[in-house]
Amino acid sequence: CTFFLCSFKQSKSAVRLKEDMKKLAALPLTKQRDATHPKVFGVSLLELQQQGLSKNGIPIVVWNIVEYLTQHGMSQEGLFRVNGSIKMVEQLRLQYERGEEVELVKDGDVYSAASLLKLFLRELPDGIITSALHPRFIQLYQDTRNDMQKEGNLKELLKELPDAHYCLLKYLCRFLTKVAEHHVENRMNLCNLATVFGPNCFHVPSGFEGIKEQEICNKIMAKMLENYSTLFELEGLKKDEGKPACEELARIILVKACAISTAGSSLKFVRKMVSEDGLQ
């Protein structure tokens, strides 16, 4: 009796397994690959680069959200302060995690996309400002040096960030300064944006010490936004502008040299013709 009971259970399990396999085979190929698709949220920036999930050094998910918000969200009141739908944010997250093509215009809205960006930054394992450099940022702000000296030291400290972190921070700060340009409509000035993004860029410990540290981090964030062009752009602009200037100068010299050479050849030709005609 026991033997037949075991046989019955085994056969029933076999039938159930066979049915499950049929269901799995019937699923779309994209759904079957969900488990093996590389993660997007909660992984390091370096890992995203290695997996080909970055574009020009920026995570594709961040790139997509920023492009969408630039076109559709700049004048939305309370952008980044008003939270999006939890359900929609989770749905968008799952779409990115599955490797699906996400069209935020159709699949989301401004506030949910803004919340998704903050979620991505919060879940970065080491934050944009890495844990190794975090104490030095805090120490720099607590230093008693004058503002000009602090700004120079802050610029040097930012350069010590890993390339992927520096690139993302620069991209984010540039975008946020553009958001602040529309503060009359969206009610989000640089100070408001720094208060929102300070906790997302700097990961601080919990508790009373964390609260005090967060205030400092928000002030550093405000400083980075207020002095974006000085901290991130000036050096790059000099390099970018210098190269075309040199190329243009070289082109002018080359053109003049060709003109002189051509004029010299023409003069020699005329002299030769005059000499042959006996008119010299």
C-alpha atoms as a PDB file:
ATOM      1  CA  CYS A   1       0.000   0.000   0.000  1.00  0.00           C
ATOM      2  CA  THR A   2       2.835   2.342   0.936  1.00  0.00           C
ATOM      3  CA  PHE A   3       4.600   1.457  -2.313  1.00  0.00           C
ATOM      4  CA  PHE A   4       1.570   2.352  -4.420  1.00  0.00           C
ATOM      5  CA  LEU A   5       1.077   5.595  -2.453  1.00  0.00           C
ATOM      6  CA  CYS A   6       4.683   6.651  -3.090  1.00  0.00           C
ATOM      7  CA  SER A   7       4.389   5.735  -6.751  1.00  0.00           C
ATOM      8  CA  PHE A   8       1.205   7.789  -7.014  1.00  0.00           C
ATOM      9  CA  LYS A   9       2.899  10.853  -5.420  1.00  0.00           C
ATOM     10  CA  GLN A  10       5.924  10.523  -7.684  1.00  0.00           C
ATOM     11  CA  SER A  11       3.788  10.240 -10.797  1.00  0.00           C
ATOM     12  CA  LYS A  12       1.717  13.225  -9.686  1.00  0.00           C
ATOM     13  CA  SER A  13       4.905  15.275  -9.133  1.00  0.00           C
ATOM     14  CA  ALA A  14       6.179  14.227 -12.546  1.00  0.00           C
ATOM     15  CA  VAL A  15       2.940  15.388 -14.189  1.00  0.00           C
ATOM     16  CA  ARG A  16       3.101  18.723 -12.337  1.00  0.00           C
ATOM     17  CA  LEU A  17       6.749  19.208 -13.355  1.00  0.00           C
ATOM     18  CA  LYS A  18       5.860  18.450 -16.958  1.00  0.00           C
ATOM     19  CA  GLU A  19       3.031  21.015 -16.854  1.00  0.00           C
ATOM     20  CA  ASP A  20       5.364  23.635 -15.344  1.00  0.00           C
ATOM     21  CA  MET A  21       7.901  23.010 -18.111  1.00  0.00           C
ATOM     22  CA  LYS A  22       5.186  23.496 -20.721  1.00  0.00           C
ATOM     23  CA  LYS A  23       4.173  26.793 -19.108  1.00  0.00           C
ATOM     24  CA  LEU A  24       7.796  27.955 -19.057  1.00  0.00           C
ATOM     25  CA  ALA A  25       8.238  27.045 -22.726  1.00  0.00           C
ATOM     26  CA  ALA A  26       5.093  29.011 -23.566  1.00  0.00           C
ATOM     27  CA  LEU A  27       6.441  32.205 -21.956  1.00  0.00           C
ATOM     28  CA  PRO A  28       7.918  34.899 -24.214  1.00  0.00           C
ATOM     29  CA  LEU A  29      11.679  34.655 -24.580  1.00  0.00           C
ATOM     30  CA  THR A  30      12.202  37.978 -22.795  1.00  0.00           C
ATOM     31  CA  LYS A  31      10.332  36.740 -19.731  1.00  0.00           C
ATOM     32  CA  GLN A  32      12.442  33.581 -19.589  1.00  0.00           C
ATOM     33  CA  ARG A  33      15.610  35.655 -19.573  1.00  0.00           C
ATOM     34  CA  ASP A  34      14.515  37.826 -16.645  1.00  0.00           C
ATOM     35  CA  ALA A  35      16.415  35.731 -14.123  1.00  0.00           C
ATOM     36  CA  THR A  36      19.678  35.919 -16.067  1.00  0.00           C
ATOM     37  CA  HIS A  37      19.516  39.561 -17.176  1.00  0.00           C
ATOM     38  CA  PRO A  38      22.135  41.774 -15.453  1.00  0.00           C
ATOM     39  CA  LYS A  39      20.858  43.921 -12.590  1.00  0.00           C
ATOM     40  CA  VAL A  40      20.544  47.666 -13.026  1.00  0.00           C
ATOM     41  CA  PHE A  41      19.716  48.887  -9.520  1.00  0.00           C
ATOM     42  CA  GLY A  42      21.904  48.218  -6.498  1.00  0.00           C
ATOM     43  CA  VAL A  43      25.084  47.434  -8.454  1.00  0.00           C
ATOM     44  CA  SER A  44      28.295  49.443  -8.756  1.00  0.00           C
ATOM     45  CA  LEU A  45      28.893  51.969 -11.532  1.00  0.00           C
ATOM     46  CA  LEU A  46      31.930  49.979 -12.646  1.00  0.00           C
ATOM     47  CA  GLU A  47      29.827  46.838 -12.971  1.00  0.00           C
ATOM     48  CA  LEU A  48      27.256  48.702 -15.070  1.00  0.00           C
ATOM     49  CA  GLN A  49      30.055  49.840 -17.394  1.00  0.00           C
ATOM     50  CA  GLN A  50      31.429  46.318 -17.709  1.00  0.00           C
ATOM     51  CA  GLN A  51      27.967  45.005 -18.573  1.00  0.00           C
ATOM     52  CA  GLY A  52      27.503  47.624 -21.288  1.00  0.00           C
ATOM     53  CA  LEU A  53      24.731  49.372 -19.340  1.00  0.00           C
ATOM     54  CA  SER A  54      26.387  52.805 -19.521  1.00  0.00           C
ATOM     55  CA  LYS A  55      26.446  55.406 -22.291  1.00  0.00           C
ATOM     56  CA  ASN A  56      29.410  57.797 -22.434  1.00  0.00           C
ATOM     57  CA  GLY A  57      30.164  56.911 -18.817  1.00  0.00           C
ATOM     58  CA  ILE A  58      26.575  57.540 -17.644  1.00  0.00           C
ATOM     59  CA  PRO A  59      24.279  54.639 -16.618  1.00  0.00           C
ATOM     60  CA  ILE A  60      21.655  54.254 -19.352  1.00  0.00           C
ATOM     61  CA  VAL A  61      18.796  54.358 -16.840  1.00  0.00           C
ATOM     62  CA  VAL A  62      20.031  57.762 -15.581  1.00  0.00           C
ATOM     63  CA  TRP A  63      20.545  58.993 -19.143  1.00  0.00           C
ATOM     64  CA  ASN A  64      16.980  58.006 -20.105  1.00  0.00           C
ATOM     65  CA  ILE A  65      15.407  59.644 -17.050  1.00  0.00           C
ATOM     66  CA  VAL A  66      17.371  62.895 -17.392  1.00  0.00           C
ATOM     67  CA  GLU A  67      16.569  63.181 -21.107  1.00  0.00           C
ATOM     68  CA  TYR A  68      12.881  62.605 -20.378  1.00  0.00           C
ATOM     69  CA  LEU A  69      12.761  65.107 -17.494  1.00  0.00           C
ATOM     70  CA  THR A  70      14.671  67.712 -19.520  1.00  0.00           C
ATOM     71  CA  GLN A  71      11.960  67.577 -22.181  1.00  0.00           C
ATOM     72  CA  HIS A  72       8.863  67.109 -20.030  1.00  0.00           C
ATOM     73  CA  GLY A  73       9.557  67.989 -16.396  1.00  0.00           C
ATOM     74  CA  MET A  74      11.427  71.268 -16.079  1.00  0.00           C
ATOM     75  CA  SER A  75       8.346  73.362 -15.341  1.00  0.00           C
ATOM     76  CA  GLN A  76       6.594  70.809 -13.091  1.00  0.00           C
ATOM     77  CA  GLU A  77       6.053  72.316  -9.646  1.00  0.00           C
ATOM     78  CA  GLY A  78       7.813  70.386  -6.870  1.00  0.00           C
ATOM     79  CA  LEU A  79       9.965  68.339  -9.251  1.00  0.00           C
ATOM     80  CA  PHE A  80      11.995  65.860  -7.098  1.00  0.00           C
ATOM     81  CA  ARG A  81      10.186  67.067  -3.967  1.00  0.00           C
ATOM     82  CA  VAL A  82       6.815  65.514  -4.854  1.00  0.00           C
ATOM     83  CA  ASN A  83       7.036  61.712  -4.817  1.00  0.00           C
ATOM     84  CA  GLY A  84       5.713  59.643  -7.687  1.00  0.00           C
ATOM     85  CA  SER A  85       3.409  56.638  -7.507  1.00  0.00           C
ATOM     86  CA  ILE A  86       5.102  53.803  -5.579  1.00  0.00           C
ATOM     87  CA  LYS A  87       3.420  51.266  -7.846  1.00  0.00           C
ATOM     88  CA  MET A  88       4.574  53.007 -11.027  1.00  0.00           C
ATOM     89  CA  VAL A  89       8.129  53.479  -9.724  1.00  0.00           C
ATOM     90  CA  GLU A  90       8.351  49.763  -8.942  1.00  0.00           C
ATOM     91  CA  GLN A  91       6.906  48.880 -12.342  1.00  0.00           C
ATOM     92  CA  LEU A  92       9.463  51.061 -14.142  1.00  0.00           C
ATOM     93  CA  ARG A  93      12.250  49.578 -12.045  1.00  0.00           C
ATOM     94  CA  LEU A  94      11.204  46.044 -13.006  1.00  0.00           C
ATOM     95  CA  GLN A  95      11.125  47.004 -16.692  1.00  0.00           C
ATOM     96  CA  TYR A  96      14.719  48.234 -16.512  1.00  0.00           C
ATOM     97  CA  GLU A  97      15.768  45.159 -14.529  1.00  0.00           C
ATOM     98  CA  ARG A  98      14.241  42.881 -17.187  1.00  0.00           C
ATOM     99  CA  GLY A  99      16.159  44.657 -19.911  1.00  0.00           C
ATOM    100  CA  GLU A 100      12.948  45.860 -21.551  1.00  0.00           C
ATOM    101  CA  GLU A 101      12.835  49.023 -23.644  1.00  0.00           C
ATOM    102  CA  VAL A 102      11.298  51.666 -21.370  1.00  0.00           C
ATOM    103  CA  GLU A 103       9.420  54.590 -22.909  1.00  0.00           C
ATOM    104  CA  LEU A 104       8.895  56.983 -20.019  1.00  0.00           C
ATOM    105  CA  VAL A 105       6.528  59.130 -22.091  1.00  0.00           C
ATOM    106  CA  LYS A 106       4.105  56.186 -22.337  1.00  0.00           C
ATOM    107  CA  ASP A 107       5.042  54.037 -19.333  1.00  0.00           C
ATOM    108  CA  GLY A 108       5.581  56.671 -16.635  1.00  0.00           C
ATOM    109  CA  ASP A 109       5.091  60.269 -15.564  1.00  0.00           C
ATOM    110  CA  VAL A 110       7.363  63.112 -14.450  1.00  0.00           C
ATOM    111  CA  TYR A 111       7.140  62.531 -10.698  1.00  0.00           C
ATOM    112  CA  SER A 112       7.591  58.760 -10.948  1.00  0.00           C
ATOM    113  CA  ALA A 113      10.620  59.193 -13.223  1.00  0.00           C
ATOM    114  CA  ALA A 114      12.102  61.710 -10.758  1.00  0.00           C
ATOM    115  CA  SER A 115      11.536  59.265  -7.872  1.00  0.00           C
ATOM    116  CA  LEU A 116      13.149  56.483  -9.903  1.00  0.00           C
ATOM    117  CA  LEU A 117      16.289  58.594 -10.385  1.00  0.00           C
ATOM    118  CA  LYS A 118      16.559  59.211  -6.634  1.00  0.00           C
ATOM    119  CA  LEU A 119      16.028  55.484  -5.991  1.00  0.00           C
ATOM    120  CA  PHE A 120      18.848  54.562  -8.359  1.00  0.00           C
ATOM    121  CA  LEU A 121      21.260  56.952  -6.633  1.00  0.00           C
ATOM    122  CA  ARG A 122      20.235  55.788  -3.155  1.00  0.00           C
ATOM    123  CA  GLU A 123      20.820  52.152  -4.046  1.00  0.00           C
ATOM    124  CA  LEU A 124      24.333  52.635  -5.449  1.00  0.00           C
ATOM    125  CA  PRO A 125      26.412  50.350  -3.193  1.00  0.00           C
ATOM    126  CA  ASP A 126      29.091  52.959  -2.507  1.00  0.00           C
ATOM    127  CA  GLY A 127      27.145  56.119  -3.362  1.00  0.00           C
ATOM    128  CA  ILE A 128      28.287  58.737  -5.865  1.00  0.00           C
ATOM    129  CA  ILE A 129      30.588  60.153  -3.186  1.00  0.00           C
ATOM    130  CA  THR A 130      32.492  57.023  -2.220  1.00  0.00           C
ATOM    131  CA  SER A 131      32.819  55.891   1.396  1.00  0.00           C
ATOM    132  CA  ALA A 132      36.616  56.196   1.092  1.00  0.00           C
ATOM    133  CA  LEU A 133      36.439  59.925   0.293  1.00  0.00           C
ATOM    134  CA  HIS A 134      33.321  60.772   2.305  1.00  0.00           C
ATOM    135  CA  PRO A 135      35.206  61.694   5.554  1.00  0.00           C
ATOM    136  CA  ARG A 136      37.510  64.022   3.626  1.00  0.00           C
ATOM    137  CA  PHE A 137      34.556  65.929   2.175  1.00  0.00           C
ATOM    138  CA  ILE A 138      33.166  66.396   5.689  1.00  0.00           C
ATOM    139  CA  GLN A 139      36.574  67.434   7.030  1.00  0.00           C
ATOM    140  CA  LEU A 140      37.069  69.929   4.213  1.00  0.00           C
ATOM    141  CA  TYR A 141      33.823  71.700   4.971  1.00  0.00           C
ATOM    142  CA  GLN A 142      34.599  71.827   8.692  1.00  0.00           C
ATOM    143  CA  ASP A 143      37.985  73.393   7.907  1.00  0.00           C
ATOM    144  CA  THR A 144      38.397  77.067   8.862  1.00  0.00           C
ATOM    145  CA  ARG A 145      40.049  78.102   5.598  1.00  0.00           C
ATOM    146  CA  ASN A 146      38.539  80.853   3.471  1.00  0.00           C
ATOM    147  CA  ASP A 147      35.959  80.069   0.790  1.00  0.00           C
ATOM    148  CA  MET A 148      38.367  80.483  -2.155  1.00  0.00           C
ATOM    149  CA  GLN A 149      40.792  78.009  -0.628  1.00  0.00           C
ATOM    150  CA  LYS A 150      37.976  75.589   0.176  1.00  0.00           C
ATOM    151  CA  GLU A 151      36.681  75.754  -3.380  1.00  0.00           C
ATOM    152  CA  GLY A 152      40.106  74.928  -4.788  1.00  0.00           C
ATOM    153  CA  ASN A 153      40.506  72.014  -2.382  1.00  0.00           C
ATOM    154  CA  LEU A 154      36.987  70.787  -3.186  1.00  0.00           C
ATOM    155  CA  LYS A 155      37.837  70.775  -6.890  1.00  0.00           C
ATOM    156  CA  GLU A 156      40.971  68.717  -6.242  1.00  0.00           C
ATOM    157  CA  LEU A 157      39.052  66.327  -3.986  1.00  0.00           C
ATOM    158  CA  LEU A 158      36.380  65.786  -6.637  1.00  0.00           C
ATOM    159  CA  LYS A 159      39.106  64.737  -9.072  1.00  0.00           C
ATOM    160  CA  GLU A 160      40.051  61.918  -6.703  1.00  0.00           C
ATOM    161  CA  LEU A 161      36.689  60.241  -7.232  1.00  0.00           C
ATOM    162  CA  PRO A 162      36.773  57.168  -9.509  1.00  0.00           C
ATOM    163  CA  ASP A 163      36.122  58.160 -13.132  1.00  0.00           C
ATOM    164  CA  ALA A 164      32.626  56.622 -13.250  1.00  0.00           C
ATOM    165  CA  HIS A 165      31.596  58.438 -10.056  1.00  0.00           C
ATOM    166  CA  TYR A 166      33.055  61.778 -11.167  1.00  0.00           C
ATOM    167  CA  CYS A 167      31.383  61.494 -14.567  1.00  0.00           C
ATOM    168  CA  LEU A 168      27.959  60.739 -13.064  1.00  0.00           C
ATOM    169  CA  LEU A 169      28.264  63.504 -10.448  1.00  0.00           C
ATOM    170  CA  LYS A 170      29.215  66.069 -13.089  1.00  0.00           C
ATOM    171  CA  TYR A 171      26.325  64.970 -15.322  1.00  0.00           C
ATOM    172  CA  LEU A 172      23.862  65.110 -12.428  1.00  0.00           C
ATOM    173  CA  CYS A 173      25.030  68.538 -11.197  1.00  0.00           C
ATOM    174  CA  ARG A 174      24.835  69.972 -14.688  1.00  0.00           C
ATOM    175  CA  PHE A 175      21.261  68.701 -15.027  1.00  0.00           C
ATOM    176  CA  LEU A 176      20.244  70.065 -11.617  1.00  0.00           C
ATOM    177  CA  THR A 177      21.608  73.529 -12.430  1.00  0.00           C
ATOM    178  CA  LYS A 178      19.341  73.494 -15.501  1.00  0.00           C
ATOM    179  CA  VAL A 179      16.400  72.461 -13.317  1.00  0.00           C
ATOM    180  CA  ALA A 180      17.150  75.425 -11.025  1.00  0.00           C
ATOM    181  CA  GLU A 181      17.027  77.792 -14.004  1.00  0.00           C
ATOM    182  CA  HIS A 182      13.265  77.053 -14.110  1.00  0.00           C
ATOM    183  CA  HIS A 183      12.762  77.633 -10.361  1.00  0.00           C
ATOM    184  CA  VAL A 184      10.032  80.228 -10.952  1.00  0.00           C
ATOM    185  CA  GLU A 185       7.839  77.495 -12.464  1.00  0.00           C
ATOM    186  CA  ASN A 186       9.020  74.384 -10.591  1.00  0.00           C
ATOM    187  CA  ARG A 187       9.738  76.055  -7.217  1.00  0.00           C
ATOM    188  CA  MET A 188      13.056  74.180  -6.982  1.00  0.00           C
ATOM    189  CA  ASN A 189      16.045  76.465  -6.516  1.00  0.00           C
ATOM    190  CA  LEU A 190      19.618  75.274  -5.933  1.00  0.00           C
ATOM    191  CA  CYS A 191      19.130  75.117  -2.167  1.00  0.00           C
ATOM    192  CA  ASN A 192      15.975  72.998  -2.475  1.00  0.00           C
ATOM    193  CA  LEU A 193      17.644  70.644  -4.937  1.00  0.00           C
ATOM    194  CA  ALA A 194      20.695  70.290  -2.681  1.00  0.00           C
ATOM    195  CA  THR A 195      18.425  69.349   0.224  1.00  0.00           C
ATOM    196  CA  VAL A 196      16.774  66.647  -1.907  1.00  0.00           C
ATOM    197  CA  PHE A 197      19.935  65.249  -3.512  1.00  0.00           C
ATOM    198  CA  GLY A 198      22.334  65.559  -0.590  1.00  0.00           C
ATOM    199  CA  PRO A 199      21.015  62.298   0.955  1.00  0.00           C
ATOM    200  CA  ASN A 200      21.062  60.580  -2.441  1.00  0.00           C
ATOM    201  CA  CYS A 201      24.664  61.494  -3.290  1.00  0.00           C
ATOM    202  CA  PHE A 202      26.175  61.213   0.197  1.00  0.00           C
ATOM    203  CA  HIS A 203      25.382  58.071   2.177  1.00  0.00           C
ATOM    204  CA  VAL A 204      25.507  58.978   5.871  1.00  0.00           C
ATOM    205  CA  PRO A 205      25.110  56.730   8.932  1.00  0.00           C
ATOM    206  CA  SER A 206      21.801  56.603  10.797  1.00  0.00           C
ATOM    207  CA  GLY A 207      21.201  58.233  14.183  1.00  0.00           C
ATOM    208  CA  PHE A 208      21.950  61.680  15.602  1.00  0.00           C
ATOM    209  CA  GLU A 209      25.492  61.819  14.153  1.00  0.00           C
ATOM    210  CA  GLY A 210      24.086  60.978  10.748  1.00  0.00           C
ATOM    211  CA  ILE A 211      21.603  63.873  10.963  1.00  0.00           C
ATOM    212  CA  LYS A 212      24.400  66.351  11.728  1.00  0.00           C
ATOM    213  CA  GLU A 213      26.541  64.902   8.961  1.00  0.00           C
ATOM    214  CA  GLN A 214      23.670  65.087   6.501  1.00  0.00           C
ATOM    215  CA  GLU A 215      23.332  68.822   7.076  1.00  0.00           C
ATOM    216  CA  ILE A 216      26.987  69.249   6.138  1.00  0.00           C
ATOM    217  CA  CYS A 217      26.578  67.034   3.067  1.00  0.00           C
ATOM    218  CA  ASN A 218      23.596  69.084   1.886  1.00  0.00           C
ATOM    219  CA  LYS A 219      25.685  72.255   2.175  1.00  0.00           C
ATOM    220  CA  ILE A 220      28.487  70.630   0.158  1.00  0.00           C
ATOM    221  CA  MET A 221      25.898  69.603  -2.447  1.00  0.00           C
ATOM    222  CA  ALA A 222      24.657  73.204  -2.612  1.00  0.00           C
ATOM    223  CA  LYS A 223      28.244  74.408  -3.032  1.00  0.00           C
ATOM    224  CA  MET A 224      28.787  71.997  -5.945  1.00  0.00           C
ATOM    225  CA  LEU A 225      25.631  73.235  -7.675  1.00  0.00           C
ATOM    226  CA  GLU A 226      26.333  76.927  -7.038  1.00  0.00           C
ATOM    227  CA  ASN A 227      29.907  76.631  -8.349  1.00  0.00           C
ATOM    228  CA  TYR A 228      29.308  74.007 -11.028  1.00  0.00           C
ATOM    229  CA  SER A 229      31.114  75.837 -13.823  1.00  0.00           C
ATOM    230  CA  THR A 230      34.180  76.519 -11.654  1.00  0.00           C
ATOM    231  CA  LEU A 231      34.384  73.025 -10.164  1.00  0.00           C
ATOM    232  CA  PHE A 232      33.587  70.962 -13.243  1.00  0.00           C
ATOM    233  CA  GLU A 233      33.641  72.997 -16.452  1.00  0.00           C
ATOM    234  CA  LEU A 234      36.382  75.658 -16.607  1.00  0.00           C
ATOM    235  CA  GLU A 235      39.330  73.303 -16.985  1.00  0.00           C
ATOM    236  CA  GLY A 236      37.502  71.248 -19.595  1.00  0.00           C
ATOM    237  CA  LEU A 237      36.480  74.373 -21.522  1.00  0.00           C
ATOM    238  CA  LYS A 238      40.071  75.601 -21.671  1.00  0.00           C
ATOM    239  CA  LYS A 239      41.197  72.288 -23.094  1.00  0.00           C
ATOM    240  CA  ASP A 240      38.317  72.131 -25.582  1.00  0.00           C
ATOM    241  CA  GLU A 241      38.790  75.725 -26.679  1.00  0.00           C
ATOM    242  CA  GLY A 242      42.560  75.480 -26.884  1.00  0.00           C
ATOM    243  CA  LYS A 243      42.604  72.676 -29.424  1.00  0.00           C
ATOM    244  CA  PRO A 244      40.444  74.373 -32.102  1.00  0.00           C
ATOM    245  CA  ALA A 245      42.363  77.639 -31.592  1.00  0.00           C
ATOM    246  CA  CYS A 246      45.661  75.865 -32.270  1.00  0.00           C
ATOM    247  CA  GLU A 247      44.179  74.078 -35.267  1.00  0.00           C
ATOM    248  CA  GLU A 248      42.824  77.356 -36.670  1.00  0.00           C
ATOM    249  CA  LEU A 249      46.200  79.067 -36.214  1.00  0.00           C
ATOM    250  CA  ALA A 250      47.959  76.195 -37.976  1.00  0.00           C
ATOM    251  CA  ARG A 251      45.440  76.399 -40.836  1.00  0.00           C
ATOM    252  CA  ILE A 252      46.004  80.162 -41.235  1.00  0.00           C
ATOM    253  CA  ILE A 253      49.783  79.705 -41.302  1.00  0.00           C
ATOM    254  CA  LEU A 254      49.438  76.927 -43.871  1.00  0.00           C
ATOM    255  CA  VAL A 255      47.173  79.030 -46.106  1.00  0.00           C
ATOM    256  CA  LYS A 256      49.547  82.004 -45.907  1.00  0.00           C
ATOM    257  CA  ALA A 257      52.531  79.802 -46.662  1.00  0.00           C
ATOM    258  CA  CYS A 258      50.753  78.372 -49.693  1.00  0.00           C
ATOM    259  CA  ALA A 259      49.821  81.868 -50.849  1.00  0.00           C
ATOM    260  CA  ILE A 260      53.425  83.102 -50.507  1.00  0.00           C
ATOM    261  CA  SER A 261      54.715  80.014 -52.256  1.00  0.00           C
ATOM    262  CA  THR A 262      52.214  80.445 -55.105  1.00  0.00           C
ATOM    263  CA  ALA A 263      53.000  84.142 -55.415  1.00  0.00           C
ATOM    264  CA  GLY A 264      56.730  83.394 -55.494  1.00  0.00           C
ATOM    265  CA  SER A 265      56.299  80.784 -58.207  1.00  0.00           C
ATOM    266  CA  SER A 266      54.174  83.180 -60.282  1.00  0.00           C
ATOM    267  CA  LEU A 267      56.791  85.920 -59.978  1.00  0.00           C
ATOM    268  CA  LYS A 268      59.574  83.580 -61.104  1.00  0.00           C
ATOM    269  CA  PHE A 269      57.435  82.484 -64.070  1.00  0.00           C
ATOM    270  CA  VAL A 270      56.840  86.102 -65.179  1.00  0.00           C
ATOM    271  CA  ARG A 271      60.544  86.959 -64.874  1.00  0.00           C
ATOM    272  CA  LYS A 272      61.439  83.905 -66.939  1.00  0.00           C
ATOM    273  CA  MET A 273      58.960  84.847 -69.673  1.00  0.00           C
ATOM    274  CA  VAL A 274      60.249  88.420 -69.787  1.00  0.00           C
ATOM    275  CA  SER A 275      63.857  87.213 -69.976  1.00  0.00           C
ATOM    276  CA  GLU A 276      63.082  84.809 -72.847  1.00  0.00           C
ATOM    277  CA  ASP A 277      61.356  87.581 -74.831  1.00  0.00           C
ATOM    278  CA  GLY A 278      64.409  89.790 -74.426  1.00  0.00           C
ATOM    279  CA  LEU A 279      62.483  92.444 -72.571  1.00  0.00           C
ATOM    280  CA  GLN A 280      64.537  92.424 -69.373  1.00  0.00           C
END
